[in-house]
Amino acid sequence: MKKLLIAFTALALLGSVADAKGPCRDKTTGRFATCPHAATAAAAPAIKKDAKGKCHFADGPKKGKYTTCPKG
């Protein structure tokens, strides 16, 4: 009985890891959907600091233009 429980736990963990890496699914219909975490990561523009300590956009339509540095 204990071995069976361990086997089911291992399968559940492997399934959750595969779901985290793979495409997202809608829980109600089971169809593929866009992942909310992927959309938020893509929406944030890349900002980098230059040698003088000023921040500017690293890519996109505003590439090279100065901006405020993110806090943190």
N, C-alpha and C. Protein backbone atom coordinates (compact mmCIF):
# COMPACT_ATOMS: atom_id res chain seq x y z
N MET A 1 0.83 -1.19 0.00
CA MET A 1 0.00 0.00 0.00
C MET A 1 0.87 1.25 0.00
N LYS A 2 1.96 1.25 0.78
CA LYS A 2 2.83 2.41 0.87
C LYS A 2 3.55 2.66 -0.47
N LYS A 3 3.95 1.58 -1.14
CA LYS A 3 4.62 1.71 -2.44
C LYS A 3 3.67 2.29 -3.49
N LEU A 4 2.43 1.90 -3.42
CA LEU A 4 1.44 2.41 -4.36
C LEU A 4 1.22 3.91 -4.15
N LEU A 5 1.17 4.33 -2.90
CA LEU A 5 1.02 5.74 -2.59
C LEU A 5 2.22 6.55 -3.08
N ILE A 6 3.39 6.01 -2.91
CA ILE A 6 4.61 6.69 -3.38
C ILE A 6 4.60 6.79 -4.90
N ALA A 7 4.17 5.74 -5.58
CA ALA A 7 4.12 5.75 -7.04
C ALA A 7 3.14 6.80 -7.54
N PHE A 8 1.95 6.89 -6.94
CA PHE A 8 0.98 7.89 -7.36
C PHE A 8 1.46 9.31 -7.07
N THR A 9 2.16 9.49 -5.97
CA THR A 9 2.70 10.81 -5.64
C THR A 9 3.75 11.22 -6.66
N ALA A 10 4.61 10.28 -7.04
CA ALA A 10 5.65 10.57 -8.03
C ALA A 10 5.02 10.93 -9.38
N LEU A 11 3.99 10.21 -9.78
CA LEU A 11 3.32 10.51 -11.04
C LEU A 11 2.63 11.87 -11.00
N ALA A 12 2.05 12.21 -9.88
CA ALA A 12 1.41 13.51 -9.75
C ALA A 12 2.43 14.64 -9.84
N LEU A 13 3.59 14.45 -9.22
CA LEU A 13 4.63 15.47 -9.28
C LEU A 13 5.17 15.61 -10.70
N LEU A 14 5.37 14.51 -11.39
CA LEU A 14 5.86 14.58 -12.77
C LEU A 14 4.83 15.25 -13.67
N GLY A 15 3.58 14.99 -13.43
CA GLY A 15 2.53 15.62 -14.23
C GLY A 15 2.47 17.11 -14.00
N SER A 16 2.65 17.56 -12.77
CA SER A 16 2.60 18.99 -12.50
C SER A 16 3.81 19.70 -13.08
N VAL A 17 4.97 19.05 -13.11
CA VAL A 17 6.16 19.65 -13.71
C VAL A 17 5.97 19.76 -15.22
N ALA A 18 5.39 18.72 -15.83
CA ALA A 18 5.16 18.76 -17.27
C ALA A 18 4.15 19.84 -17.62
N ASP A 19 3.13 20.04 -16.80
CA ASP A 19 2.14 21.09 -17.06
C ASP A 19 2.77 22.47 -16.93
N ALA A 20 3.70 22.63 -16.00
CA ALA A 20 4.32 23.93 -15.79
C ALA A 20 5.19 24.32 -16.99
N LYS A 21 5.83 23.34 -17.63
CA LYS A 21 6.70 23.63 -18.76
C LYS A 21 5.92 23.72 -20.07
N GLY A 22 4.86 22.95 -20.20
CA GLY A 22 4.11 22.88 -21.44
C GLY A 22 3.12 24.01 -21.59
N PRO A 23 2.35 23.97 -22.69
CA PRO A 23 1.35 25.01 -22.90
C PRO A 23 0.24 24.93 -21.86
N CYS A 24 -0.40 26.03 -21.61
CA CYS A 24 -1.46 26.10 -20.60
C CYS A 24 -2.76 25.57 -21.17
N ARG A 25 -3.60 25.04 -20.28
CA ARG A 25 -4.91 24.55 -20.67
C ARG A 25 -5.98 25.25 -19.85
N ASP A 26 -7.12 25.45 -20.47
CA ASP A 26 -8.27 25.99 -19.78
C ASP A 26 -8.84 24.89 -18.89
N LYS A 27 -9.04 25.18 -17.61
CA LYS A 27 -9.47 24.14 -16.67
C LYS A 27 -10.91 23.68 -16.93
N THR A 28 -11.74 24.54 -17.46
CA THR A 28 -13.14 24.15 -17.65
C THR A 28 -13.35 23.35 -18.92
N THR A 29 -12.68 23.73 -20.02
CA THR A 29 -12.90 23.04 -21.29
C THR A 29 -11.80 22.04 -21.61
N GLY A 30 -10.62 22.21 -21.04
CA GLY A 30 -9.51 21.31 -21.33
C GLY A 30 -8.77 21.68 -22.61
N ARG A 31 -9.14 22.77 -23.24
CA ARG A 31 -8.48 23.20 -24.47
C ARG A 31 -7.25 24.03 -24.15
N PHE A 32 -6.35 24.11 -25.12
CA PHE A 32 -5.15 24.92 -24.95
C PHE A 32 -5.52 26.39 -24.89
N ALA A 33 -4.82 27.14 -24.04
CA ALA A 33 -5.08 28.56 -23.87
C ALA A 33 -3.74 29.27 -23.71
N THR A 34 -3.76 30.59 -23.77
CA THR A 34 -2.53 31.35 -23.56
C THR A 34 -2.19 31.36 -22.07
N CYS A 35 -0.93 31.28 -21.78
CA CYS A 35 -0.47 31.24 -20.39
C CYS A 35 -0.41 32.67 -19.85
N PRO A 36 -1.00 32.93 -18.69
CA PRO A 36 -0.96 34.28 -18.14
C PRO A 36 0.43 34.71 -17.72
N HIS A 37 1.25 33.77 -17.25
CA HIS A 37 2.60 34.14 -16.81
C HIS A 37 3.49 34.48 -17.99
N ALA A 38 3.28 33.88 -19.14
CA ALA A 38 4.08 34.18 -20.33
C ALA A 38 3.73 35.55 -20.88
N ALA A 39 2.48 35.94 -20.80
CA ALA A 39 2.05 37.22 -21.34
C ALA A 39 2.62 38.37 -20.50
N THR A 40 2.69 38.23 -19.21
CA THR A 40 3.20 39.31 -18.37
C THR A 40 4.70 39.45 -18.53
N ALA A 41 5.40 38.36 -18.74
CA ALA A 41 6.85 38.44 -18.92
C ALA A 41 7.20 39.10 -20.24
N ALA A 42 6.40 38.85 -21.28
CA ALA A 42 6.68 39.44 -22.57
C ALA A 42 6.31 40.92 -22.60
N ALA A 43 5.39 41.35 -21.77
CA ALA A 43 4.93 42.73 -21.79
C ALA A 43 5.94 43.68 -21.15
N ALA A 44 6.79 43.21 -20.27
CA ALA A 44 7.75 44.07 -19.60
C ALA A 44 8.91 44.38 -20.55
N PRO A 45 9.20 45.65 -20.80
CA PRO A 45 10.30 46.00 -21.70
C PRO A 45 11.65 45.77 -21.01
N ALA A 46 12.64 45.43 -21.79
CA ALA A 46 13.99 45.22 -21.26
C ALA A 46 14.66 46.57 -21.07
N ILE A 47 15.15 46.82 -19.89
CA ILE A 47 15.82 48.07 -19.55
C ILE A 47 17.21 47.74 -19.03
N LYS A 48 18.21 48.48 -19.51
CA LYS A 48 19.57 48.24 -19.02
C LYS A 48 20.24 49.55 -18.65
N LYS A 49 21.24 49.44 -17.79
CA LYS A 49 22.00 50.61 -17.35
C LYS A 49 23.26 50.73 -18.19
N ASP A 50 23.60 51.95 -18.53
CA ASP A 50 24.85 52.16 -19.26
C ASP A 50 25.98 52.43 -18.27
N ALA A 51 27.15 52.75 -18.78
CA ALA A 51 28.33 52.96 -17.94
C ALA A 51 28.19 54.17 -17.01
N LYS A 52 27.35 55.14 -17.39
CA LYS A 52 27.17 56.34 -16.57
C LYS A 52 26.08 56.16 -15.52
N GLY A 53 25.41 55.00 -15.50
CA GLY A 53 24.38 54.74 -14.51
C GLY A 53 22.99 55.15 -14.92
N LYS A 54 22.81 55.56 -16.18
CA LYS A 54 21.49 55.94 -16.67
C LYS A 54 20.84 54.75 -17.35
N CYS A 55 19.53 54.65 -17.20
CA CYS A 55 18.80 53.51 -17.77
C CYS A 55 18.18 53.88 -19.11
N HIS A 56 18.15 52.91 -20.02
CA HIS A 56 17.49 53.10 -21.31
C HIS A 56 16.95 51.76 -21.80
N PHE A 57 16.01 51.84 -22.75
CA PHE A 57 15.39 50.64 -23.30
C PHE A 57 16.42 49.85 -24.11
N ALA A 58 16.42 48.53 -23.92
CA ALA A 58 17.38 47.69 -24.61
C ALA A 58 16.85 47.18 -25.94
N ASP A 59 15.52 47.15 -26.11
CA ASP A 59 14.94 46.67 -27.36
C ASP A 59 13.57 47.28 -27.58
N GLY A 60 12.96 46.94 -28.68
CA GLY A 60 11.62 47.43 -28.99
C GLY A 60 11.65 48.75 -29.74
N PRO A 61 10.49 49.36 -29.90
CA PRO A 61 10.41 50.60 -30.67
C PRO A 61 11.10 51.79 -30.00
N LYS A 62 11.29 51.73 -28.68
CA LYS A 62 11.94 52.83 -27.95
C LYS A 62 13.41 52.52 -27.66
N LYS A 63 14.00 51.61 -28.41
CA LYS A 63 15.38 51.18 -28.16
C LYS A 63 16.33 52.38 -28.13
N GLY A 64 17.12 52.45 -27.06
CA GLY A 64 18.11 53.50 -26.91
C GLY A 64 17.62 54.75 -26.20
N LYS A 65 16.30 54.93 -26.06
CA LYS A 65 15.78 56.12 -25.39
C LYS A 65 15.87 55.96 -23.89
N TYR A 66 16.19 57.05 -23.22
CA TYR A 66 16.35 57.02 -21.78
C TYR A 66 14.99 56.89 -21.07
N THR A 67 15.02 56.22 -19.92
CA THR A 67 13.83 56.04 -19.10
C THR A 67 14.23 56.05 -17.64
N THR A 68 13.25 56.04 -16.76
CA THR A 68 13.55 55.96 -15.34
C THR A 68 13.99 54.55 -14.97
N CYS A 69 14.93 54.45 -14.08
CA CYS A 69 15.43 53.14 -13.66
C CYS A 69 14.41 52.48 -12.73
N PRO A 70 14.25 51.17 -12.87
CA PRO A 70 13.32 50.47 -11.98
C PRO A 70 13.86 50.42 -10.56
N LYS A 71 12.96 50.50 -9.62
CA LYS A 71 13.36 50.46 -8.21
C LYS A 71 13.67 49.01 -7.83
N GLY A 72 14.64 48.82 -6.99
CA GLY A 72 14.91 47.48 -6.49
C GLY A 72 16.18 46.93 -6.79
